[in-house]
Amino acid sequence: MLSVNRLAIGSTLAHELMHAWMRVQGYRGLALNIAEGLSQVMAHKWLEWQSFTGDDYMKGTSEKAQFLRNLKEFMKDGIERRYSEAYGHGFREAKWAVERYGLIYTLKHIARKGKLPE
């Protein structure tokens, strides 16, 4: 059960810490879809990284390992398929920008222009 909680809490923390980081860095007045989209990208990335962090519970062929891998994919899929404007569409736009330009460039562009790069 600890690993299940770790996935859920970890992705939520990644999302909320991205909000906190943007606030500390002075990213104020962003459109909701940009702020939530970037935060969802970080939650999604955190879930992706869980395959590589050395958590033995997710490796191997045990039922528990398979369950956790399936849960991780289910959670990622939930982020990817969300329909709301801010969380769903915002995520897909932010993910596209981060994949195309990289996270650092995307963040610098938002800091300068207040919007995602096109």
PDB file of N, CA and C in Angstrom:
ATOM      1  N   MET A   1       0.817  -1.191   0.000  1.00  0.00           N
ATOM      2  CA  MET A   1       0.000   0.000   0.000  1.00  0.00           C
ATOM      3  C   MET A   1       0.865   1.261   0.000  1.00  0.00           C
ATOM      4  N   LEU A   2       2.025   1.186   0.605  1.00  0.00           N
ATOM      5  CA  LEU A   2       2.920   2.329   0.660  1.00  0.00           C
ATOM      6  C   LEU A   2       3.305   2.804  -0.735  1.00  0.00           C
ATOM      7  N   SER A   3       3.571   1.879  -1.643  1.00  0.00           N
ATOM      8  CA  SER A   3       3.963   2.262  -3.003  1.00  0.00           C
ATOM      9  C   SER A   3       2.810   2.897  -3.766  1.00  0.00           C
ATOM     10  N   VAL A   4       1.581   2.440  -3.511  1.00  0.00           N
ATOM     11  CA  VAL A   4       0.410   3.051  -4.144  1.00  0.00           C
ATOM     12  C   VAL A   4       0.298   4.500  -3.680  1.00  0.00           C
ATOM     13  N   ASN A   5       0.407   4.704  -2.372  1.00  0.00           N
ATOM     14  CA  ASN A   5       0.354   6.069  -1.838  1.00  0.00           C
ATOM     15  C   ASN A   5       1.496   6.913  -2.377  1.00  0.00           C
ATOM     16  N   ARG A   6       2.658   6.300  -2.537  1.00  0.00           N
ATOM     17  CA  ARG A   6       3.813   7.033  -3.049  1.00  0.00           C
ATOM     18  C   ARG A   6       3.537   7.563  -4.453  1.00  0.00           C
ATOM     19  N   LEU A   7       2.914   6.761  -5.304  1.00  0.00           N
ATOM     20  CA  LEU A   7       2.591   7.222  -6.657  1.00  0.00           C
ATOM     21  C   LEU A   7       1.609   8.385  -6.617  1.00  0.00           C
ATOM     22  N   ALA A   8       0.542   8.228  -5.861  1.00  0.00           N
ATOM     23  CA  ALA A   8      -0.490   9.266  -5.806  1.00  0.00           C
ATOM     24  C   ALA A   8       0.032  10.544  -5.159  1.00  0.00           C
ATOM     25  N   ILE A   9       0.684  10.406  -4.031  1.00  0.00           N
ATOM     26  CA  ILE A   9       1.187  11.585  -3.323  1.00  0.00           C
ATOM     27  C   ILE A   9       2.323  12.233  -4.097  1.00  0.00           C
ATOM     28  N   GLY A  10       3.197  11.427  -4.676  1.00  0.00           N
ATOM     29  CA  GLY A  10       4.327  11.968  -5.429  1.00  0.00           C
ATOM     30  C   GLY A  10       3.894  12.805  -6.613  1.00  0.00           C
ATOM     31  N   SER A  11       2.916  12.316  -7.369  1.00  0.00           N
ATOM     32  CA  SER A  11       2.471  13.086  -8.533  1.00  0.00           C
ATOM     33  C   SER A  11       1.759  14.367  -8.098  1.00  0.00           C
ATOM     34  N   THR A  12       0.996  14.292  -7.010  1.00  0.00           N
ATOM     35  CA  THR A  12       0.336  15.488  -6.485  1.00  0.00           C
ATOM     36  C   THR A  12       1.362  16.501  -5.987  1.00  0.00           C
ATOM     37  N   LEU A  13       2.381  16.024  -5.281  1.00  0.00           N
ATOM     38  CA  LEU A  13       3.435  16.928  -4.813  1.00  0.00           C
ATOM     39  C   LEU A  13       4.179  17.570  -5.975  1.00  0.00           C
ATOM     40  N   ALA A  14       4.483  16.801  -7.006  1.00  0.00           N
ATOM     41  CA  ALA A  14       5.167  17.367  -8.177  1.00  0.00           C
ATOM     42  C   ALA A  14       4.332  18.491  -8.777  1.00  0.00           C
ATOM     43  N   HIS A  15       3.029  18.268  -8.892  1.00  0.00           N
ATOM     44  CA  HIS A  15       2.110  19.274  -9.426  1.00  0.00           C
ATOM     45  C   HIS A  15       2.131  20.533  -8.551  1.00  0.00           C
ATOM     46  N   GLU A  16       1.931  20.351  -7.253  1.00  0.00           N
ATOM     47  CA  GLU A  16       1.841  21.499  -6.349  1.00  0.00           C
ATOM     48  C   GLU A  16       3.179  22.217  -6.192  1.00  0.00           C
ATOM     49  N   LEU A  17       4.275  21.479  -6.206  1.00  0.00           N
ATOM     50  CA  LEU A  17       5.590  22.114  -6.109  1.00  0.00           C
ATOM     51  C   LEU A  17       5.905  22.939  -7.351  1.00  0.00           C
ATOM     52  N   MET A  18       5.373  22.540  -8.501  1.00  0.00           N
ATOM     53  CA  MET A  18       5.564  23.357  -9.702  1.00  0.00           C
ATOM     54  C   MET A  18       4.841  24.690  -9.535  1.00  0.00           C
ATOM     55  N   HIS A  19       3.623  24.650  -8.976  1.00  0.00           N
ATOM     56  CA  HIS A  19       2.922  25.910  -8.676  1.00  0.00           C
ATOM     57  C   HIS A  19       3.761  26.775  -7.737  1.00  0.00           C
ATOM     58  N   ALA A  20       4.280  26.161  -6.677  1.00  0.00           N
ATOM     59  CA  ALA A  20       5.081  26.910  -5.699  1.00  0.00           C
ATOM     60  C   ALA A  20       6.333  27.487  -6.351  1.00  0.00           C
ATOM     61  N   TRP A  21       7.005  26.695  -7.167  1.00  0.00           N
ATOM     62  CA  TRP A  21       8.223  27.163  -7.834  1.00  0.00           C
ATOM     63  C   TRP A  21       7.914  28.357  -8.730  1.00  0.00           C
ATOM     64  N   MET A  22       6.835  28.264  -9.509  1.00  0.00           N
ATOM     65  CA  MET A  22       6.478  29.379 -10.395  1.00  0.00           C
ATOM     66  C   MET A  22       6.177  30.640  -9.588  1.00  0.00           C
ATOM     67  N   ARG A  23       5.515  30.476  -8.470  1.00  0.00           N
ATOM     68  CA  ARG A  23       5.190  31.633  -7.632  1.00  0.00           C
ATOM     69  C   ARG A  23       6.463  32.279  -7.078  1.00  0.00           C
ATOM     70  N   VAL A  24       7.369  31.460  -6.558  1.00  0.00           N
ATOM     71  CA  VAL A  24       8.631  31.969  -6.006  1.00  0.00           C
ATOM     72  C   VAL A  24       9.465  32.654  -7.085  1.00  0.00           C
ATOM     73  N   GLN A  25       9.406  32.135  -8.302  1.00  0.00           N
ATOM     74  CA  GLN A  25      10.186  32.687  -9.404  1.00  0.00           C
ATOM     75  C   GLN A  25       9.536  33.918 -10.036  1.00  0.00           C
ATOM     76  N   GLY A  26       8.341  34.281  -9.568  1.00  0.00           N
ATOM     77  CA  GLY A  26       7.698  35.489 -10.061  1.00  0.00           C
ATOM     78  C   GLY A  26       6.771  35.292 -11.244  1.00  0.00           C
ATOM     79  N   TYR A  27       6.374  34.074 -11.522  1.00  0.00           N
ATOM     80  CA  TYR A  27       5.430  33.808 -12.609  1.00  0.00           C
ATOM     81  C   TYR A  27       4.033  34.126 -12.097  1.00  0.00           C
ATOM     82  N   ARG A  28       3.637  35.364 -12.182  1.00  0.00           N
ATOM     83  CA  ARG A  28       2.333  35.788 -11.676  1.00  0.00           C
ATOM     84  C   ARG A  28       1.413  36.126 -12.847  1.00  0.00           C
ATOM     85  N   GLY A  29       0.138  35.948 -12.619  1.00  0.00           N
ATOM     86  CA  GLY A  29      -0.851  36.336 -13.609  1.00  0.00           C
ATOM     87  C   GLY A  29      -0.908  35.446 -14.838  1.00  0.00           C
ATOM     88  N   LEU A  30      -0.407  34.219 -14.726  1.00  0.00           N
ATOM     89  CA  LEU A  30      -0.474  33.311 -15.872  1.00  0.00           C
ATOM     90  C   LEU A  30      -1.907  32.856 -16.092  1.00  0.00           C
ATOM     91  N   ALA A  31      -2.241  32.608 -17.339  1.00  0.00           N
ATOM     92  CA  ALA A  31      -3.536  32.014 -17.647  1.00  0.00           C
ATOM     93  C   ALA A  31      -3.621  30.664 -16.932  1.00  0.00           C
ATOM     94  N   LEU A  32      -4.817  30.307 -16.508  1.00  0.00           N
ATOM     95  CA  LEU A  32      -5.024  29.073 -15.760  1.00  0.00           C
ATOM     96  C   LEU A  32      -4.527  27.852 -16.529  1.00  0.00           C
ATOM     97  N   ASN A  33      -4.774  27.823 -17.847  1.00  0.00           N
ATOM     98  CA  ASN A  33      -4.354  26.654 -18.623  1.00  0.00           C
ATOM     99  C   ASN A  33      -2.830  26.525 -18.683  1.00  0.00           C
ATOM    100  N   ILE A  34      -2.098  27.637 -18.599  1.00  0.00           N
ATOM    101  CA  ILE A  34      -0.630  27.567 -18.602  1.00  0.00           C
ATOM    102  C   ILE A  34      -0.131  27.087 -17.243  1.00  0.00           C
ATOM    103  N   ALA A  35      -0.626  27.685 -16.175  1.00  0.00           N
ATOM    104  CA  ALA A  35      -0.186  27.297 -14.826  1.00  0.00           C
ATOM    105  C   ALA A  35      -0.533  25.843 -14.528  1.00  0.00           C
ATOM    106  N   GLU A  36      -1.760  25.456 -14.813  1.00  0.00           N
ATOM    107  CA  GLU A  36      -2.167  24.076 -14.539  1.00  0.00           C
ATOM    108  C   GLU A  36      -1.526  23.107 -15.531  1.00  0.00           C
ATOM    109  N   GLY A  37      -1.392  23.531 -16.774  1.00  0.00           N
ATOM    110  CA  GLY A  37      -0.766  22.670 -17.779  1.00  0.00           C
ATOM    111  C   GLY A  37       0.660  22.324 -17.422  1.00  0.00           C
ATOM    112  N   LEU A  38       1.451  23.319 -17.038  1.00  0.00           N
ATOM    113  CA  LEU A  38       2.843  23.062 -16.638  1.00  0.00           C
ATOM    114  C   LEU A  38       2.905  22.191 -15.388  1.00  0.00           C
ATOM    115  N   SER A  39       2.010  22.436 -14.458  1.00  0.00           N
ATOM    116  CA  SER A  39       1.997  21.634 -13.235  1.00  0.00           C
ATOM    117  C   SER A  39       1.616  20.188 -13.535  1.00  0.00           C
ATOM    118  N   GLN A  40       0.697  20.000 -14.465  1.00  0.00           N
ATOM    119  CA  GLN A  40       0.339  18.643 -14.873  1.00  0.00           C
ATOM    120  C   GLN A  40       1.500  17.962 -15.604  1.00  0.00           C
ATOM    121  N   VAL A  41       2.254  18.719 -16.381  1.00  0.00           N
ATOM    122  CA  VAL A  41       3.436  18.156 -17.049  1.00  0.00           C
ATOM    123  C   VAL A  41       4.403  17.618 -15.998  1.00  0.00           C
ATOM    124  N   MET A  42       4.609  18.363 -14.926  1.00  0.00           N
ATOM    125  CA  MET A  42       5.535  17.904 -13.890  1.00  0.00           C
ATOM    126  C   MET A  42       5.009  16.662 -13.181  1.00  0.00           C
ATOM    127  N   ALA A  43       3.714  16.600 -12.928  1.00  0.00           N
ATOM    128  CA  ALA A  43       3.130  15.398 -12.320  1.00  0.00           C
ATOM    129  C   ALA A  43       3.315  14.200 -13.243  1.00  0.00           C
ATOM    130  N   HIS A  44       3.080  14.409 -14.523  1.00  0.00           N
ATOM    131  CA  HIS A  44       3.226  13.356 -15.530  1.00  0.00           C
ATOM    132  C   HIS A  44       4.677  12.899 -15.618  1.00  0.00           C
ATOM    133  N   LYS A  45       5.603  13.859 -15.655  1.00  0.00           N
ATOM    134  CA  LYS A  45       7.036  13.527 -15.706  1.00  0.00           C
ATOM    135  C   LYS A  45       7.454  12.751 -14.462  1.00  0.00           C
ATOM    136  N   TRP A  46       6.956  13.151 -13.311  1.00  0.00           N
ATOM    137  CA  TRP A  46       7.300  12.458 -12.075  1.00  0.00           C
ATOM    138  C   TRP A  46       6.871  10.997 -12.167  1.00  0.00           C
ATOM    139  N   LEU A  47       5.673  10.762 -12.686  1.00  0.00           N
ATOM    140  CA  LEU A  47       5.215   9.381 -12.847  1.00  0.00           C
ATOM    141  C   LEU A  47       6.104   8.623 -13.828  1.00  0.00           C
ATOM    142  N   GLU A  48       6.497   9.256 -14.929  1.00  0.00           N
ATOM    143  CA  GLU A  48       7.402   8.606 -15.882  1.00  0.00           C
ATOM    144  C   GLU A  48       8.718   8.229 -15.210  1.00  0.00           C
ATOM    145  N   TRP A  49       9.246   9.111 -14.397  1.00  0.00           N
ATOM    146  CA  TRP A  49      10.546   8.882 -13.765  1.00  0.00           C
ATOM    147  C   TRP A  49      10.518   7.733 -12.771  1.00  0.00           C
ATOM    148  N   GLN A  50       9.352   7.344 -12.301  1.00  0.00           N
ATOM    149  CA  GLN A  50       9.274   6.289 -11.296  1.00  0.00           C
ATOM    150  C   GLN A  50       9.788   4.941 -11.797  1.00  0.00           C
ATOM    151  N   SER A  51       9.848   4.739 -13.076  1.00  0.00           N
ATOM    152  CA  SER A  51      10.392   3.494 -13.620  1.00  0.00           C
ATOM    153  C   SER A  51      11.900   3.430 -13.476  1.00  0.00           C
ATOM    154  N   PHE A  52      12.537   4.566 -13.287  1.00  0.00           N
ATOM    155  CA  PHE A  52      13.994   4.632 -13.335  1.00  0.00           C
ATOM    156  C   PHE A  52      14.635   4.993 -12.002  1.00  0.00           C
ATOM    157  N   THR A  53      13.842   5.168 -10.957  1.00  0.00           N
ATOM    158  CA  THR A  53      14.405   5.668  -9.708  1.00  0.00           C
ATOM    159  C   THR A  53      14.946   4.578  -8.802  1.00  0.00           C
ATOM    160  N   GLY A  54      14.793   3.332  -9.182  1.00  0.00           N
ATOM    161  CA  GLY A  54      15.333   2.261  -8.366  1.00  0.00           C
ATOM    162  C   GLY A  54      14.365   1.708  -7.339  1.00  0.00           C
ATOM    163  N   ASP A  55      13.082   2.056  -7.426  1.00  0.00           N
ATOM    164  CA  ASP A  55      12.095   1.491  -6.514  1.00  0.00           C
ATOM    165  C   ASP A  55      11.911   0.022  -6.863  1.00  0.00           C
ATOM    166  N   ASP A  56      12.382  -0.841  -6.009  1.00  0.00           N
ATOM    167  CA  ASP A  56      12.337  -2.275  -6.282  1.00  0.00           C
ATOM    168  C   ASP A  56      10.916  -2.803  -6.389  1.00  0.00           C
ATOM    169  N   TYR A  57       9.956  -2.106  -5.794  1.00  0.00           N
ATOM    170  CA  TYR A  57       8.578  -2.566  -5.854  1.00  0.00           C
ATOM    171  C   TYR A  57       8.009  -2.511  -7.266  1.00  0.00           C
ATOM    172  N   MET A  58       8.574  -1.690  -8.138  1.00  0.00           N
ATOM    173  CA  MET A  58       8.050  -1.561  -9.496  1.00  0.00           C
ATOM    174  C   MET A  58       8.821  -2.412 -10.488  1.00  0.00           C
ATOM    175  N   LYS A  59       9.858  -3.071 -10.023  1.00  0.00           N
ATOM    176  CA  LYS A  59      10.669  -3.898 -10.910  1.00  0.00           C
ATOM    177  C   LYS A  59      10.322  -5.360 -10.704  1.00  0.00           C
ATOM    178  N   GLY A  60      10.646  -6.159 -11.677  1.00  0.00           N
ATOM    179  CA  GLY A  60      10.428  -7.589 -11.533  1.00  0.00           C
ATOM    180  C   GLY A  60       9.107  -8.033 -12.110  1.00  0.00           C
ATOM    181  N   THR A  61       8.758  -9.255 -11.791  1.00  0.00           N
ATOM    182  CA  THR A  61       7.574  -9.871 -12.391  1.00  0.00           C
ATOM    183  C   THR A  61       6.493 -10.193 -11.370  1.00  0.00           C
ATOM    184  N   SER A  62       6.656  -9.770 -10.140  1.00  0.00           N
ATOM    185  CA  SER A  62       5.651 -10.075  -9.119  1.00  0.00           C
ATOM    186  C   SER A  62       4.330  -9.388  -9.450  1.00  0.00           C
ATOM    187  N   GLU A  63       3.269  -9.888  -8.836  1.00  0.00           N
ATOM    188  CA  GLU A  63       1.952  -9.278  -9.035  1.00  0.00           C
ATOM    189  C   GLU A  63       1.944  -7.834  -8.544  1.00  0.00           C
ATOM    190  N   LYS A  64       2.615  -7.578  -7.444  1.00  0.00           N
ATOM    191  CA  LYS A  64       2.668  -6.221  -6.905  1.00  0.00           C
ATOM    192  C   LYS A  64       3.380  -5.281  -7.866  1.00  0.00           C
ATOM    193  N   ALA A  65       4.500  -5.727  -8.424  1.00  0.00           N
ATOM    194  CA  ALA A  65       5.245  -4.894  -9.372  1.00  0.00           C
ATOM    195  C   ALA A  65       4.388  -4.592 -10.593  1.00  0.00           C
ATOM    196  N   GLN A  66       3.698  -5.601 -11.107  1.00  0.00           N
ATOM    197  CA  GLN A  66       2.841  -5.394 -12.276  1.00  0.00           C
ATOM    198  C   GLN A  66       1.689  -4.459 -11.939  1.00  0.00           C
ATOM    199  N   PHE A  67       1.100  -4.628 -10.763  1.00  0.00           N
ATOM    200  CA  PHE A  67       0.015  -3.750 -10.330  1.00  0.00           C
ATOM    201  C   PHE A  67       0.485  -2.297 -10.286  1.00  0.00           C
ATOM    202  N   LEU A  68       1.659  -2.060  -9.709  1.00  0.00           N
ATOM    203  CA  LEU A  68       2.177  -0.697  -9.600  1.00  0.00           C
ATOM    204  C   LEU A  68       2.504  -0.102 -10.963  1.00  0.00           C
ATOM    205  N   ARG A  69       3.043  -0.904 -11.858  1.00  0.00           N
ATOM    206  CA  ARG A  69       3.300  -0.404 -13.220  1.00  0.00           C
ATOM    207  C   ARG A  69       1.989  -0.050 -13.908  1.00  0.00           C
ATOM    208  N   ASN A  70       0.978  -0.896 -13.739  1.00  0.00           N
ATOM    209  CA  ASN A  70      -0.334  -0.615 -14.331  1.00  0.00           C
ATOM    210  C   ASN A  70      -0.960   0.635 -13.716  1.00  0.00           C
ATOM    211  N   LEU A  71      -0.826   0.788 -12.406  1.00  0.00           N
ATOM    212  CA  LEU A  71      -1.368   1.969 -11.733  1.00  0.00           C
ATOM    213  C   LEU A  71      -0.685   3.233 -12.236  1.00  0.00           C
ATOM    214  N   LYS A  72       0.619   3.176 -12.373  1.00  0.00           N
ATOM    215  CA  LYS A  72       1.372   4.332 -12.877  1.00  0.00           C
ATOM    216  C   LYS A  72       0.870   4.712 -14.269  1.00  0.00           C
ATOM    217  N   GLU A  73       0.698   3.733 -15.143  1.00  0.00           N
ATOM    218  CA  GLU A  73       0.200   4.010 -16.494  1.00  0.00           C
ATOM    219  C   GLU A  73      -1.226   4.551 -16.456  1.00  0.00           C
ATOM    220  N   PHE A  74      -2.053   4.026 -15.563  1.00  0.00           N
ATOM    221  CA  PHE A  74      -3.419   4.509 -15.408  1.00  0.00           C
ATOM    222  C   PHE A  74      -3.423   5.978 -14.988  1.00  0.00           C
ATOM    223  N   MET A  75      -2.553   6.331 -14.050  1.00  0.00           N
ATOM    224  CA  MET A  75      -2.474   7.716 -13.587  1.00  0.00           C
ATOM    225  C   MET A  75      -1.959   8.639 -14.688  1.00  0.00           C
ATOM    226  N   LYS A  76      -0.957   8.203 -15.432  1.00  0.00           N
ATOM    227  CA  LYS A  76      -0.459   9.003 -16.558  1.00  0.00           C
ATOM    228  C   LYS A  76      -1.555   9.186 -17.597  1.00  0.00           C
ATOM    229  N   ASP A  77      -2.276   8.108 -17.886  1.00  0.00           N
ATOM    230  CA  ASP A  77      -3.352   8.162 -18.871  1.00  0.00           C
ATOM    231  C   ASP A  77      -4.446   9.133 -18.426  1.00  0.00           C
ATOM    232  N   GLY A  78      -4.722   9.159 -17.126  1.00  0.00           N
ATOM    233  CA  GLY A  78      -5.715  10.094 -16.599  1.00  0.00           C
ATOM    234  C   GLY A  78      -5.320  11.541 -16.839  1.00  0.00           C
ATOM    235  N   ILE A  79      -4.038  11.836 -16.683  1.00  0.00           N
ATOM    236  CA  ILE A  79      -3.547  13.190 -16.957  1.00  0.00           C
ATOM    237  C   ILE A  79      -3.664  13.487 -18.448  1.00  0.00           C
ATOM    238  N   GLU A  80      -3.273  12.537 -19.277  1.00  0.00           N
ATOM    239  CA  GLU A  80      -3.257  12.739 -20.729  1.00  0.00           C
ATOM    240  C   GLU A  80      -4.652  12.910 -21.313  1.00  0.00           C
ATOM    241  N   ARG A  81      -5.642  12.237 -20.762  1.00  0.00           N
ATOM    242  CA  ARG A  81      -6.981  12.223 -21.351  1.00  0.00           C
ATOM    243  C   ARG A  81      -7.975  13.174 -20.697  1.00  0.00           C
ATOM    244  N   ARG A  82      -7.557  13.916 -19.733  1.00  0.00           N
ATOM    245  CA  ARG A  82      -8.467  14.824 -19.037  1.00  0.00           C
ATOM    246  C   ARG A  82      -9.066  15.816 -20.033  1.00  0.00           C
ATOM    247  N   TYR A  83     -10.344  16.118 -19.851  1.00  0.00           N
ATOM    248  CA  TYR A  83     -11.054  16.945 -20.823  1.00  0.00           C
ATOM    249  C   TYR A  83     -11.124  18.422 -20.468  1.00  0.00           C
ATOM    250  N   SER A  84     -10.830  18.789 -19.252  1.00  0.00           N
ATOM    251  CA  SER A  84     -11.004  20.189 -18.864  1.00  0.00           C
ATOM    252  C   SER A  84     -10.039  21.089 -19.634  1.00  0.00           C
ATOM    253  N   GLU A  85     -10.432  22.328 -19.780  1.00  0.00           N
ATOM    254  CA  GLU A  85      -9.607  23.296 -20.511  1.00  0.00           C
ATOM    255  C   GLU A  85      -8.268  23.510 -19.817  1.00  0.00           C
ATOM    256  N   ALA A  86      -8.299  23.758 -18.517  1.00  0.00           N
ATOM    257  CA  ALA A  86      -7.062  24.080 -17.797  1.00  0.00           C
ATOM    258  C   ALA A  86      -6.167  22.862 -17.621  1.00  0.00           C
ATOM    259  N   TYR A  87      -6.716  21.785 -17.108  1.00  0.00           N
ATOM    260  CA  TYR A  87      -5.898  20.619 -16.786  1.00  0.00           C
ATOM    261  C   TYR A  87      -5.652  19.718 -17.992  1.00  0.00           C
ATOM    262  N   GLY A  88      -6.623  19.548 -18.836  1.00  0.00           N
ATOM    263  CA  GLY A  88      -6.480  18.660 -19.990  1.00  0.00           C
ATOM    264  C   GLY A  88      -5.814  19.328 -21.172  1.00  0.00           C
ATOM    265  N   HIS A  89      -6.487  20.325 -21.714  1.00  0.00           N
ATOM    266  CA  HIS A  89      -5.941  21.037 -22.874  1.00  0.00           C
ATOM    267  C   HIS A  89      -4.650  21.759 -22.489  1.00  0.00           C
ATOM    268  N   GLY A  90      -4.630  22.340 -21.296  1.00  0.00           N
ATOM    269  CA  GLY A  90      -3.423  23.018 -20.821  1.00  0.00           C
ATOM    270  C   GLY A  90      -2.243  22.067 -20.731  1.00  0.00           C
ATOM    271  N   PHE A  91      -2.487  20.849 -20.232  1.00  0.00           N
ATOM    272  CA  PHE A  91      -1.429  19.840 -20.164  1.00  0.00           C
ATOM    273  C   PHE A  91      -0.905  19.510 -21.552  1.00  0.00           C
ATOM    274  N   ARG A  92      -1.816  19.256 -22.480  1.00  0.00           N
ATOM    275  CA  ARG A  92      -1.378  18.850 -23.827  1.00  0.00           C
ATOM    276  C   ARG A  92      -0.578  19.958 -24.514  1.00  0.00           C
ATOM    277  N   GLU A  93      -0.990  21.207 -24.348  1.00  0.00           N
ATOM    278  CA  GLU A  93      -0.229  22.320 -24.931  1.00  0.00           C
ATOM    279  C   GLU A  93       1.142  22.464 -24.272  1.00  0.00           C
ATOM    280  N   ALA A  94       1.178  22.393 -22.949  1.00  0.00           N
ATOM    281  CA  ALA A  94       2.448  22.532 -22.231  1.00  0.00           C
ATOM    282  C   ALA A  94       3.374  21.359 -22.536  1.00  0.00           C
ATOM    283  N   LYS A  95       2.826  20.170 -22.611  1.00  0.00           N
ATOM    284  CA  LYS A  95       3.639  18.985 -22.918  1.00  0.00           C
ATOM    285  C   LYS A  95       4.245  19.117 -24.311  1.00  0.00           C
ATOM    286  N   TRP A  96       3.451  19.584 -25.262  1.00  0.00           N
ATOM    287  CA  TRP A  96       3.956  19.774 -26.625  1.00  0.00           C
ATOM    288  C   TRP A  96       5.120  20.763 -26.615  1.00  0.00           C
ATOM    289  N   ALA A  97       4.961  21.875 -25.911  1.00  0.00           N
ATOM    290  CA  ALA A  97       6.020  22.891 -25.860  1.00  0.00           C
ATOM    291  C   ALA A  97       7.278  22.345 -25.193  1.00  0.00           C
ATOM    292  N   VAL A  98       7.115  21.641 -24.093  1.00  0.00           N
ATOM    293  CA  VAL A  98       8.274  21.090 -23.379  1.00  0.00           C
ATOM    294  C   VAL A  98       8.979  20.043 -24.230  1.00  0.00           C
ATOM    295  N   GLU A  99       8.214  19.209 -24.921  1.00  0.00           N
ATOM    296  CA  GLU A  99       8.840  18.198 -25.783  1.00  0.00           C
ATOM    297  C   GLU A  99       9.539  18.835 -26.977  1.00  0.00           C
ATOM    298  N   ARG A 100       8.976  19.888 -27.513  1.00  0.00           N
ATOM    299  CA  ARG A 100       9.563  20.520 -28.697  1.00  0.00           C
ATOM    300  C   ARG A 100      10.748  21.413 -28.349  1.00  0.00           C
ATOM    301  N   TYR A 101      10.613  22.223 -27.310  1.00  0.00           N
ATOM    302  CA  TYR A 101      11.620  23.236 -26.997  1.00  0.00           C
ATOM    303  C   TYR A 101      12.447  22.934 -25.750  1.00  0.00           C
ATOM    304  N   GLY A 102      12.001  21.999 -24.941  1.00  0.00           N
ATOM    305  CA  GLY A 102      12.668  21.721 -23.672  1.00  0.00           C
ATOM    306  C   GLY A 102      12.048  22.532 -22.547  1.00  0.00           C
ATOM    307  N   LEU A 103      12.208  22.047 -21.338  1.00  0.00           N
ATOM    308  CA  LEU A 103      11.582  22.696 -20.187  1.00  0.00           C
ATOM    309  C   LEU A 103      12.161  24.081 -19.926  1.00  0.00           C
ATOM    310  N   ILE A 104      13.471  24.205 -19.956  1.00  0.00           N
ATOM    311  CA  ILE A 104      14.097  25.492 -19.620  1.00  0.00           C
ATOM    312  C   ILE A 104      13.693  26.579 -20.609  1.00  0.00           C
ATOM    313  N   TYR A 105      13.759  26.292 -21.904  1.00  0.00           N
ATOM    314  CA  TYR A 105      13.361  27.293 -22.898  1.00  0.00           C
ATOM    315  C   TYR A 105      11.889  27.657 -22.716  1.00  0.00           C
ATOM    316  N   THR A 106      11.048  26.644 -22.504  1.00  0.00           N
ATOM    317  CA  THR A 106       9.618  26.892 -22.341  1.00  0.00           C
ATOM    318  C   THR A 106       9.364  27.813 -21.153  1.00  0.00           C
ATOM    319  N   LEU A 107      10.027  27.550 -20.035  1.00  0.00           N
ATOM    320  CA  LEU A 107       9.849  28.396 -18.853  1.00  0.00           C
ATOM    321  C   LEU A 107      10.359  29.813 -19.091  1.00  0.00           C
ATOM    322  N   LYS A 108      11.498  29.951 -19.748  1.00  0.00           N
ATOM    323  CA  LYS A 108      12.029  31.292 -20.046  1.00  0.00           C
ATOM    324  C   LYS A 108      11.091  32.055 -20.973  1.00  0.00           C
ATOM    325  N   HIS A 109      10.537  31.359 -21.956  1.00  0.00           N
ATOM    326  CA  HIS A 109       9.595  31.989 -22.885  1.00  0.00           C
ATOM    327  C   HIS A 109       8.355  32.486 -22.129  1.00  0.00           C
ATOM    328  N   ILE A 110       7.839  31.656 -21.244  1.00  0.00           N
ATOM    329  CA  ILE A 110       6.668  32.046 -20.460  1.00  0.00           C
ATOM    330  C   ILE A 110       6.997  33.244 -19.573  1.00  0.00           C
ATOM    331  N   ALA A 111       8.187  33.254 -18.982  1.00  0.00           N
ATOM    332  CA  ALA A 111       8.593  34.382 -18.129  1.00  0.00           C
ATOM    333  C   ALA A 111       8.639  35.679 -18.925  1.00  0.00           C
ATOM    334  N   ARG A 112       9.098  35.605 -20.176  1.00  0.00           N
ATOM    335  CA  ARG A 112       9.209  36.806 -21.016  1.00  0.00           C
ATOM    336  C   ARG A 112       7.876  37.226 -21.614  1.00  0.00           C
ATOM    337  N   LYS A 113       7.125  36.262 -22.131  1.00  0.00           N
ATOM    338  CA  LYS A 113       5.941  36.587 -22.931  1.00  0.00           C
ATOM    339  C   LYS A 113       4.607  36.282 -22.250  1.00  0.00           C
ATOM    340  N   GLY A 114       4.639  35.499 -21.172  1.00  0.00           N
ATOM    341  CA  GLY A 114       3.397  35.158 -20.483  1.00  0.00           C
ATOM    342  C   GLY A 114       2.559  34.120 -21.181  1.00  0.00           C
ATOM    343  N   LYS A 115       3.150  33.442 -22.158  1.00  0.00           N
ATOM    344  CA  LYS A 115       2.419  32.396 -22.880  1.00  0.00           C
ATOM    345  C   LYS A 115       3.397  31.309 -23.313  1.00  0.00           C
ATOM    346  N   LEU A 116       2.831  30.188 -23.725  1.00  0.00           N
ATOM    347  CA  LEU A 116       3.650  29.074 -24.200  1.00  0.00           C
ATOM    348  C   LEU A 116       4.235  29.395 -25.569  1.00  0.00           C
ATOM    349  N   PRO A 117       5.421  28.875 -25.863  1.00  0.00           N
ATOM    350  CA  PRO A 117       5.960  29.059 -27.215  1.00  0.00           C
ATOM    351  C   PRO A 117       5.101  28.308 -28.227  1.00  0.00           C
ATOM    352  N   GLU A 118       5.081  28.824 -29.443  1.00  0.00           N
ATOM    353  CA  GLU A 118       4.261  28.197 -30.492  1.00  0.00           C
ATOM    354  C   GLU A 118       5.116  27.424 -31.453  1.00  0.00           C
TER     355      GLU A 118
END
